């Protein structure tokens, strides 16, 4: 799971990764025989090679277009970019409004050979704070935006903040809304390696790659998930 990409090495921390660091990671994956897939490709698979990886980028910030897409093309690695539709052409207003979000025209510039688009909600809210009616309204707004702007979006969803209702009854209602809206796979965080085929199609776990992660930490996360100290 990635977010922002920067050309300034000093800014490589938290949700922002330096382009040099990202390139080292993609080079490692390429040189070590990892196969990358779009999230939506998992819908047509029954088995996967052991060295299979899904690369995801949240929020479609313009720095991803500028820095991430050329690297994905260079190393022939696929990635799914998740779109918070209310902010397209604006900035990350849910955060510090410091990053510009791609415009519709820029979303259409993305190379479909290496990038697919997925859902990241409409308003980038915490799903657990929304009523079922509000969750449905968020989807209605998303689909309206998609239709109005004629963009291709796969039926896969990355939960903003990795957040979704956890209480059993509320989770069941939330998942039923995803099913109603033809969302086929839902991605949380979790920081653990997934086993395929998945036990729960709406609880795929993503590993959070931080800007300060060394290559040792990256390789550890790739094999075992989040580095845990005891």
C-alpha atoms as a PDB file:
ATOM      1  CA  UNK A   1       0.000   0.000   0.000  1.00  0.00           C
ATOM      2  CA  UNK A   2       1.496   3.288  -1.187  1.00  0.00           C
ATOM      3  CA  UNK A   3       0.366   6.894  -1.121  1.00  0.00           C
ATOM      4  CA  UNK A   4       2.519   9.883  -2.123  1.00  0.00           C
ATOM      5  CA  UNK A   5       5.769   9.805  -4.091  1.00  0.00           C
ATOM      6  CA  UNK A   6       8.348  12.607  -3.814  1.00  0.00           C
ATOM      7  CA  UNK A   7      11.567  13.638  -5.553  1.00  0.00           C
ATOM      8  CA  UNK A   8      12.913  14.958  -2.229  1.00  0.00           C
ATOM      9  CA  UNK A   9      14.666  12.177  -0.305  1.00  0.00           C
ATOM     10  CA  UNK A  10      14.396  14.171   2.934  1.00  0.00           C
ATOM     11  CA  UNK A  11      10.583  13.963   2.693  1.00  0.00           C
ATOM     12  CA  UNK A  12      10.566  10.141   2.496  1.00  0.00           C
ATOM     13  CA  UNK A  13       8.656   9.229   5.644  1.00  0.00           C
ATOM     14  CA  UNK A  14       5.212   8.082   6.670  1.00  0.00           C
ATOM     15  CA  UNK A  15       2.809   8.036   3.736  1.00  0.00           C
ATOM     16  CA  UNK A  16       5.343   9.648   1.383  1.00  0.00           C
ATOM     17  CA  UNK A  17       8.090   7.660  -0.322  1.00  0.00           C
ATOM     18  CA  UNK A  18      11.066   8.996  -2.272  1.00  0.00           C
ATOM     19  CA  UNK A  19      11.207   8.084  -5.936  1.00  0.00           C
ATOM     20  CA  UNK A  20      14.665   6.534  -5.413  1.00  0.00           C
ATOM     21  CA  UNK A  21      13.308   4.244  -2.697  1.00  0.00           C
ATOM     22  CA  UNK A  22      10.274   3.243  -4.741  1.00  0.00           C
ATOM     23  CA  UNK A  23      12.521   2.417  -7.695  1.00  0.00           C
ATOM     24  CA  UNK A  24      14.734   0.200  -5.528  1.00  0.00           C
ATOM     25  CA  UNK A  25      11.658  -1.704  -4.391  1.00  0.00           C
ATOM     26  CA  UNK A  26      10.240  -2.147  -7.902  1.00  0.00           C
ATOM     27  CA  UNK A  27      13.663  -3.156  -9.204  1.00  0.00           C
ATOM     28  CA  UNK A  28      13.909  -5.780  -6.462  1.00  0.00           C
ATOM     29  CA  UNK A  29      10.468  -7.175  -7.316  1.00  0.00           C
ATOM     30  CA  UNK A  30      11.299  -7.287 -11.022  1.00  0.00           C
ATOM     31  CA  UNK A  31      14.720  -8.874 -10.571  1.00  0.00           C
ATOM     32  CA  UNK A  32      13.400 -11.508  -8.161  1.00  0.00           C
ATOM     33  CA  UNK A  33      10.642 -12.833 -10.357  1.00  0.00           C
ATOM     34  CA  UNK A  34       7.555 -11.330  -8.690  1.00  0.00           C
ATOM     35  CA  UNK A  35       4.426 -11.235 -10.836  1.00  0.00           C
ATOM     36  CA  UNK A  36       2.201  -8.193 -10.322  1.00  0.00           C
ATOM     37  CA  UNK A  37      -1.545  -8.191 -10.880  1.00  0.00           C
ATOM     38  CA  UNK A  38      -4.369  -5.700 -10.922  1.00  0.00           C
ATOM     39  CA  UNK A  39      -6.710  -6.248  -7.984  1.00  0.00           C
ATOM     40  CA  UNK A  40      -9.523  -6.991 -10.450  1.00  0.00           C
ATOM     41  CA  UNK A  41      -7.487  -9.785 -12.085  1.00  0.00           C
ATOM     42  CA  UNK A  42      -7.894 -11.835  -8.910  1.00  0.00           C
ATOM     43  CA  UNK A  43     -11.575 -12.206  -9.796  1.00  0.00           C
ATOM     44  CA  UNK A  44     -10.671 -14.510 -12.682  1.00  0.00           C
ATOM     45  CA  UNK A  45      -7.924 -16.506 -10.931  1.00  0.00           C
ATOM     46  CA  UNK A  46      -8.212 -19.771  -9.047  1.00  0.00           C
ATOM     47  CA  UNK A  47      -4.510 -20.103  -8.265  1.00  0.00           C
ATOM     48  CA  UNK A  48      -1.528 -17.739  -8.181  1.00  0.00           C
ATOM     49  CA  UNK A  49       2.234 -18.272  -8.374  1.00  0.00           C
ATOM     50  CA  UNK A  50       4.012 -18.082  -5.030  1.00  0.00           C
ATOM     51  CA  UNK A  51       5.716 -14.810  -5.969  1.00  0.00           C
ATOM     52  CA  UNK A  52       2.546 -12.835  -6.659  1.00  0.00           C
ATOM     53  CA  UNK A  53       2.063  -9.243  -5.561  1.00  0.00           C
ATOM     54  CA  UNK A  54      -0.599  -6.549  -5.710  1.00  0.00           C
ATOM     55  CA  UNK A  55       0.654  -2.942  -5.729  1.00  0.00           C
ATOM     56  CA  UNK A  56      -1.859  -0.287  -4.664  1.00  0.00           C
ATOM     57  CA  UNK A  57      -1.708   3.505  -4.558  1.00  0.00           C
ATOM     58  CA  UNK A  58      -4.365   5.444  -2.659  1.00  0.00           C
ATOM     59  CA  UNK A  59      -5.813   8.889  -3.472  1.00  0.00           C
ATOM     60  CA  UNK A  60      -4.560   9.410  -7.096  1.00  0.00           C
ATOM     61  CA  UNK A  61      -2.319  12.335  -6.153  1.00  0.00           C
ATOM     62  CA  UNK A  62      -0.623  14.071  -9.056  1.00  0.00           C
ATOM     63  CA  UNK A  63       2.778  12.995  -7.760  1.00  0.00           C
ATOM     64  CA  UNK A  64       1.774   9.401  -8.531  1.00  0.00           C
ATOM     65  CA  UNK A  65       1.228  10.335 -12.178  1.00  0.00           C
ATOM     66  CA  UNK A  66       4.526  12.208 -12.278  1.00  0.00           C
ATOM     67  CA  UNK A  67       6.733   9.716 -10.433  1.00  0.00           C
ATOM     68  CA  UNK A  68       5.038   6.341  -9.945  1.00  0.00           C
ATOM     69  CA  UNK A  69       3.625   5.688 -13.419  1.00  0.00           C
ATOM     70  CA  UNK A  70       6.992   6.011 -15.246  1.00  0.00           C
ATOM     71  CA  UNK A  71       8.560   3.544 -12.794  1.00  0.00           C
ATOM     72  CA  UNK A  72       5.697   1.088 -13.188  1.00  0.00           C
ATOM     73  CA  UNK A  73       6.149   1.310 -16.958  1.00  0.00           C
ATOM     74  CA  UNK A  74       9.930   0.909 -16.661  1.00  0.00           C
ATOM     75  CA  UNK A  75       9.691  -2.246 -14.563  1.00  0.00           C
ATOM     76  CA  UNK A  76       6.485  -3.518 -16.199  1.00  0.00           C
ATOM     77  CA  UNK A  77       4.722  -3.740 -12.867  1.00  0.00           C
ATOM     78  CA  UNK A  78       0.940  -3.382 -12.598  1.00  0.00           C
ATOM     79  CA  UNK A  79      -0.784  -1.320  -9.899  1.00  0.00           C
ATOM     80  CA  UNK A  80      -4.318  -0.384  -8.845  1.00  0.00           C
ATOM     81  CA  UNK A  81      -4.874   3.327  -8.115  1.00  0.00           C
ATOM     82  CA  UNK A  82      -7.820   4.045  -5.785  1.00  0.00           C
ATOM     83  CA  UNK A  83      -9.869   7.196  -6.441  1.00  0.00           C
ATOM     84  CA  UNK A  84     -11.681   9.391  -3.858  1.00  0.00           C
ATOM     85  CA  UNK A  85     -14.065  10.801  -6.450  1.00  0.00           C
ATOM     86  CA  UNK A  86     -15.206  13.945  -4.616  1.00  0.00           C
ATOM     87  CA  UNK A  87     -11.652  15.311  -4.698  1.00  0.00           C
ATOM     88  CA  UNK A  88     -10.713  14.690  -8.318  1.00  0.00           C
ATOM     89  CA  UNK A  89      -9.191  17.899  -9.686  1.00  0.00           C
ATOM     90  CA  UNK A  90      -8.887  19.344  -6.177  1.00  0.00           C
ATOM     91  CA  UNK A  91      -6.544  18.465  -3.290  1.00  0.00           C
ATOM     92  CA  UNK A  92      -6.472  16.090  -0.320  1.00  0.00           C
ATOM     93  CA  UNK A  93      -8.939  18.204   1.656  1.00  0.00           C
ATOM     94  CA  UNK A  94      -9.573  15.359   4.135  1.00  0.00           C
ATOM     95  CA  UNK A  95      -5.921  15.630   5.099  1.00  0.00           C
ATOM     96  CA  UNK A  96      -3.794  18.815   5.024  1.00  0.00           C
ATOM     97  CA  UNK A  97      -4.769  19.858   1.480  1.00  0.00           C
ATOM     98  CA  UNK A  98      -1.086  19.796   0.591  1.00  0.00           C
ATOM     99  CA  UNK A  99      -1.282  17.320  -2.296  1.00  0.00           C
ATOM    100  CA  UNK A 100      -3.033  17.923  -5.604  1.00  0.00           C
ATOM    101  CA  UNK A 101      -5.372  15.200  -6.795  1.00  0.00           C
ATOM    102  CA  UNK A 102      -5.400  14.208 -10.443  1.00  0.00           C
ATOM    103  CA  UNK A 103      -7.962  15.741 -12.763  1.00  0.00           C
ATOM    104  CA  UNK A 104     -10.307  13.638 -14.893  1.00  0.00           C
ATOM    105  CA  UNK A 105      -8.046  14.329 -17.883  1.00  0.00           C
ATOM    106  CA  UNK A 106      -5.030  13.094 -15.934  1.00  0.00           C
ATOM    107  CA  UNK A 107      -6.843   9.951 -14.820  1.00  0.00           C
ATOM    108  CA  UNK A 108      -7.438   9.231 -18.498  1.00  0.00           C
ATOM    109  CA  UNK A 109      -3.713   9.725 -19.192  1.00  0.00           C
ATOM    110  CA  UNK A 110      -2.785   6.806 -16.956  1.00  0.00           C
ATOM    111  CA  UNK A 111      -1.367   3.901 -18.913  1.00  0.00           C
ATOM    112  CA  UNK A 112      -4.002   1.109 -18.765  1.00  0.00           C
ATOM    113  CA  UNK A 113      -1.296  -1.489 -19.373  1.00  0.00           C
ATOM    114  CA  UNK A 114       0.145  -0.835 -15.913  1.00  0.00           C
ATOM    115  CA  UNK A 115      -2.608   1.011 -14.008  1.00  0.00           C
ATOM    116  CA  UNK A 116      -6.257   0.276 -13.287  1.00  0.00           C
ATOM    117  CA  UNK A 117      -8.583   2.482 -11.250  1.00  0.00           C
ATOM    118  CA  UNK A 118     -10.571   1.321  -8.224  1.00  0.00           C
ATOM    119  CA  UNK A 119     -12.986   2.841  -5.714  1.00  0.00           C
ATOM    120  CA  UNK A 120     -11.744   4.751  -2.656  1.00  0.00           C
ATOM    121  CA  UNK A 121     -15.223   6.011  -1.697  1.00  0.00           C
ATOM    122  CA  UNK A 122     -16.684   9.342  -2.789  1.00  0.00           C
ATOM    123  CA  UNK A 123     -16.001  11.579   0.225  1.00  0.00           C
ATOM    124  CA  UNK A 124     -13.074   9.727   1.872  1.00  0.00           C
ATOM    125  CA  UNK A 125     -15.013   9.293   5.130  1.00  0.00           C
ATOM    126  CA  UNK A 126     -14.635   6.623   7.789  1.00  0.00           C
ATOM    127  CA  UNK A 127     -17.198   4.019   6.775  1.00  0.00           C
ATOM    128  CA  UNK A 128     -17.743   3.046  10.411  1.00  0.00           C
ATOM    129  CA  UNK A 129     -19.060   6.567  11.083  1.00  0.00           C
ATOM    130  CA  UNK A 130     -21.695   6.364   8.349  1.00  0.00           C
ATOM    131  CA  UNK A 131     -25.195   4.934   8.497  1.00  0.00           C
ATOM    132  CA  UNK A 132     -26.149   2.318   5.872  1.00  0.00           C
ATOM    133  CA  UNK A 133     -28.098   5.041   4.064  1.00  0.00           C
ATOM    134  CA  UNK A 134     -25.049   7.304   4.016  1.00  0.00           C
ATOM    135  CA  UNK A 135     -22.846   4.491   2.720  1.00  0.00           C
ATOM    136  CA  UNK A 136     -25.300   3.917  -0.130  1.00  0.00           C
ATOM    137  CA  UNK A 137     -25.431   7.657  -0.880  1.00  0.00           C
ATOM    138  CA  UNK A 138     -21.636   7.669  -1.083  1.00  0.00           C
ATOM    139  CA  UNK A 139     -21.779   4.875  -3.659  1.00  0.00           C
ATOM    140  CA  UNK A 140     -24.529   6.658  -5.604  1.00  0.00           C
ATOM    141  CA  UNK A 141     -22.346   9.747  -5.845  1.00  0.00           C
ATOM    142  CA  UNK A 142     -19.350   7.673  -6.904  1.00  0.00           C
ATOM    143  CA  UNK A 143     -21.218   5.919  -9.696  1.00  0.00           C
ATOM    144  CA  UNK A 144     -22.721   9.206 -10.852  1.00  0.00           C
ATOM    145  CA  UNK A 145     -19.236  10.725 -11.101  1.00  0.00           C
ATOM    146  CA  UNK A 146     -17.933   7.690 -12.985  1.00  0.00           C
ATOM    147  CA  UNK A 147     -20.791   7.816 -15.494  1.00  0.00           C
ATOM    148  CA  UNK A 148     -20.629  11.574 -16.004  1.00  0.00           C
ATOM    149  CA  UNK A 149     -16.915  11.491 -16.691  1.00  0.00           C
ATOM    150  CA  UNK A 150     -16.813   8.219 -18.624  1.00  0.00           C
ATOM    151  CA  UNK A 151     -13.920   6.667 -16.730  1.00  0.00           C
ATOM    152  CA  UNK A 152     -13.277   2.961 -16.312  1.00  0.00           C
ATOM    153  CA  UNK A 153     -13.255   1.844 -12.671  1.00  0.00           C
ATOM    154  CA  UNK A 154     -12.873  -1.755 -11.546  1.00  0.00           C
ATOM    155  CA  UNK A 155     -15.422  -3.148  -9.015  1.00  0.00           C
ATOM    156  CA  UNK A 156     -12.852  -3.134  -6.198  1.00  0.00           C
ATOM    157  CA  UNK A 157     -12.722  -0.879  -3.146  1.00  0.00           C
ATOM    158  CA  UNK A 158      -9.970   0.258  -0.774  1.00  0.00           C
ATOM    159  CA  UNK A 159     -11.508   1.499   2.471  1.00  0.00           C
ATOM    160  CA  UNK A 160     -10.368   5.042   3.382  1.00  0.00           C
ATOM    161  CA  UNK A 161      -8.101   4.820   6.445  1.00  0.00           C
ATOM    162  CA  UNK A 162      -8.540   1.035   6.159  1.00  0.00           C
ATOM    163  CA  UNK A 163     -11.743   1.655   8.111  1.00  0.00           C
ATOM    164  CA  UNK A 164     -15.012  -0.315   7.990  1.00  0.00           C
ATOM    165  CA  UNK A 165     -17.585  -1.446  10.592  1.00  0.00           C
ATOM    166  CA  UNK A 166     -16.166  -4.222  12.763  1.00  0.00           C
ATOM    167  CA  UNK A 167     -19.140  -5.118  14.967  1.00  0.00           C
ATOM    168  CA  UNK A 168     -20.663  -8.313  13.540  1.00  0.00           C
ATOM    169  CA  UNK A 169     -24.154  -7.096  12.651  1.00  0.00           C
ATOM    170  CA  UNK A 170     -22.949  -3.738  11.321  1.00  0.00           C
ATOM    171  CA  UNK A 171     -20.243  -5.443   9.281  1.00  0.00           C
ATOM    172  CA  UNK A 172     -22.764  -7.798   7.725  1.00  0.00           C
ATOM    173  CA  UNK A 173     -24.965  -4.870   6.724  1.00  0.00           C
ATOM    174  CA  UNK A 174     -21.974  -2.995   5.306  1.00  0.00           C
ATOM    175  CA  UNK A 175     -20.819  -6.002   3.304  1.00  0.00           C
ATOM    176  CA  UNK A 176     -24.349  -6.485   1.967  1.00  0.00           C
ATOM    177  CA  UNK A 177     -24.235  -2.898   0.648  1.00  0.00           C
ATOM    178  CA  UNK A 178     -20.938  -3.663  -1.082  1.00  0.00           C
ATOM    179  CA  UNK A 179     -22.540  -6.729  -2.663  1.00  0.00           C
ATOM    180  CA  UNK A 180     -25.562  -4.693  -3.758  1.00  0.00           C
ATOM    181  CA  UNK A 181     -23.257  -2.230  -5.496  1.00  0.00           C
ATOM    182  CA  UNK A 182     -21.314  -4.988  -7.261  1.00  0.00           C
ATOM    183  CA  UNK A 183     -18.119  -4.391  -5.302  1.00  0.00           C
ATOM    184  CA  UNK A 184     -16.270  -7.669  -5.743  1.00  0.00           C
ATOM    185  CA  UNK A 185     -13.252  -7.169  -3.469  1.00  0.00           C
ATOM    186  CA  UNK A 186     -12.679  -4.900  -0.455  1.00  0.00           C
ATOM    187  CA  UNK A 187      -9.242  -3.934   0.854  1.00  0.00           C
ATOM    188  CA  UNK A 188      -8.430  -2.955   4.430  1.00  0.00           C
ATOM    189  CA  UNK A 189      -4.925  -2.572   5.918  1.00  0.00           C
ATOM    190  CA  UNK A 190      -4.100  -5.348   8.404  1.00  0.00           C
ATOM    191  CA  UNK A 191      -0.403  -5.563   7.492  1.00  0.00           C
ATOM    192  CA  UNK A 192      -0.394  -9.308   6.964  1.00  0.00           C
ATOM    193  CA  UNK A 193       0.343 -11.423   3.918  1.00  0.00           C
ATOM    194  CA  UNK A 194      -2.825 -12.756   2.274  1.00  0.00           C
ATOM    195  CA  UNK A 195      -3.333 -16.381   1.331  1.00  0.00           C
ATOM    196  CA  UNK A 196      -5.108 -17.069  -1.943  1.00  0.00           C
ATOM    197  CA  UNK A 197      -7.912 -17.919  -2.411  1.00  0.00           C
ATOM    198  CA  UNK A 198      -9.142 -15.478   0.214  1.00  0.00           C
ATOM    199  CA  UNK A 199     -11.274 -16.386   3.221  1.00  0.00           C
ATOM    200  CA  UNK A 200     -13.179 -13.093   3.050  1.00  0.00           C
ATOM    201  CA  UNK A 201     -13.383 -11.135  -0.198  1.00  0.00           C
ATOM    202  CA  UNK A 202     -14.117  -7.901   1.710  1.00  0.00           C
ATOM    203  CA  UNK A 203     -11.219  -8.153   4.156  1.00  0.00           C
ATOM    204  CA  UNK A 204      -8.116  -8.342   1.999  1.00  0.00           C
ATOM    205  CA  UNK A 205      -5.160  -7.120   4.008  1.00  0.00           C
ATOM    206  CA  UNK A 206      -2.651  -4.604   2.674  1.00  0.00           C
ATOM    207  CA  UNK A 207       0.880  -4.056   3.904  1.00  0.00           C
ATOM    208  CA  UNK A 208       1.645  -0.399   4.606  1.00  0.00           C
ATOM    209  CA  UNK A 209       4.969   0.575   3.000  1.00  0.00           C
ATOM    210  CA  UNK A 210       6.444   3.610   4.777  1.00  0.00           C
ATOM    211  CA  UNK A 211       8.776   6.183   3.281  1.00  0.00           C
ATOM    212  CA  UNK A 212      11.410   5.482   5.926  1.00  0.00           C
ATOM    213  CA  UNK A 213      11.412   1.707   5.397  1.00  0.00           C
ATOM    214  CA  UNK A 214      14.853   0.307   4.591  1.00  0.00           C
ATOM    215  CA  UNK A 215      15.222  -2.403   1.970  1.00  0.00           C
ATOM    216  CA  UNK A 216      15.609  -4.895   4.820  1.00  0.00           C
ATOM    217  CA  UNK A 217      12.231  -3.844   6.223  1.00  0.00           C
ATOM    218  CA  UNK A 218      10.665  -3.873   2.752  1.00  0.00           C
ATOM    219  CA  UNK A 219      11.886  -7.429   2.115  1.00  0.00           C
ATOM    220  CA  UNK A 220      10.663  -8.508   5.568  1.00  0.00           C
ATOM    221  CA  UNK A 221       7.206  -7.042   4.932  1.00  0.00           C
ATOM    222  CA  UNK A 222       7.121  -8.685   1.529  1.00  0.00           C
ATOM    223  CA  UNK A 223       7.610 -12.116   3.099  1.00  0.00           C
ATOM    224  CA  UNK A 224       5.947 -11.822   6.503  1.00  0.00           C
ATOM    225  CA  UNK A 225       3.967  -8.607   6.746  1.00  0.00           C
ATOM    226  CA  UNK A 226       4.499  -5.824   9.244  1.00  0.00           C
ATOM    227  CA  UNK A 227       7.708  -5.970  11.257  1.00  0.00           C
ATOM    228  CA  UNK A 228       6.679  -6.683  14.847  1.00  0.00           C
ATOM    229  CA  UNK A 229       9.038  -6.179  17.759  1.00  0.00           C
ATOM    230  CA  UNK A 230       8.482  -8.131  20.983  1.00  0.00           C
END
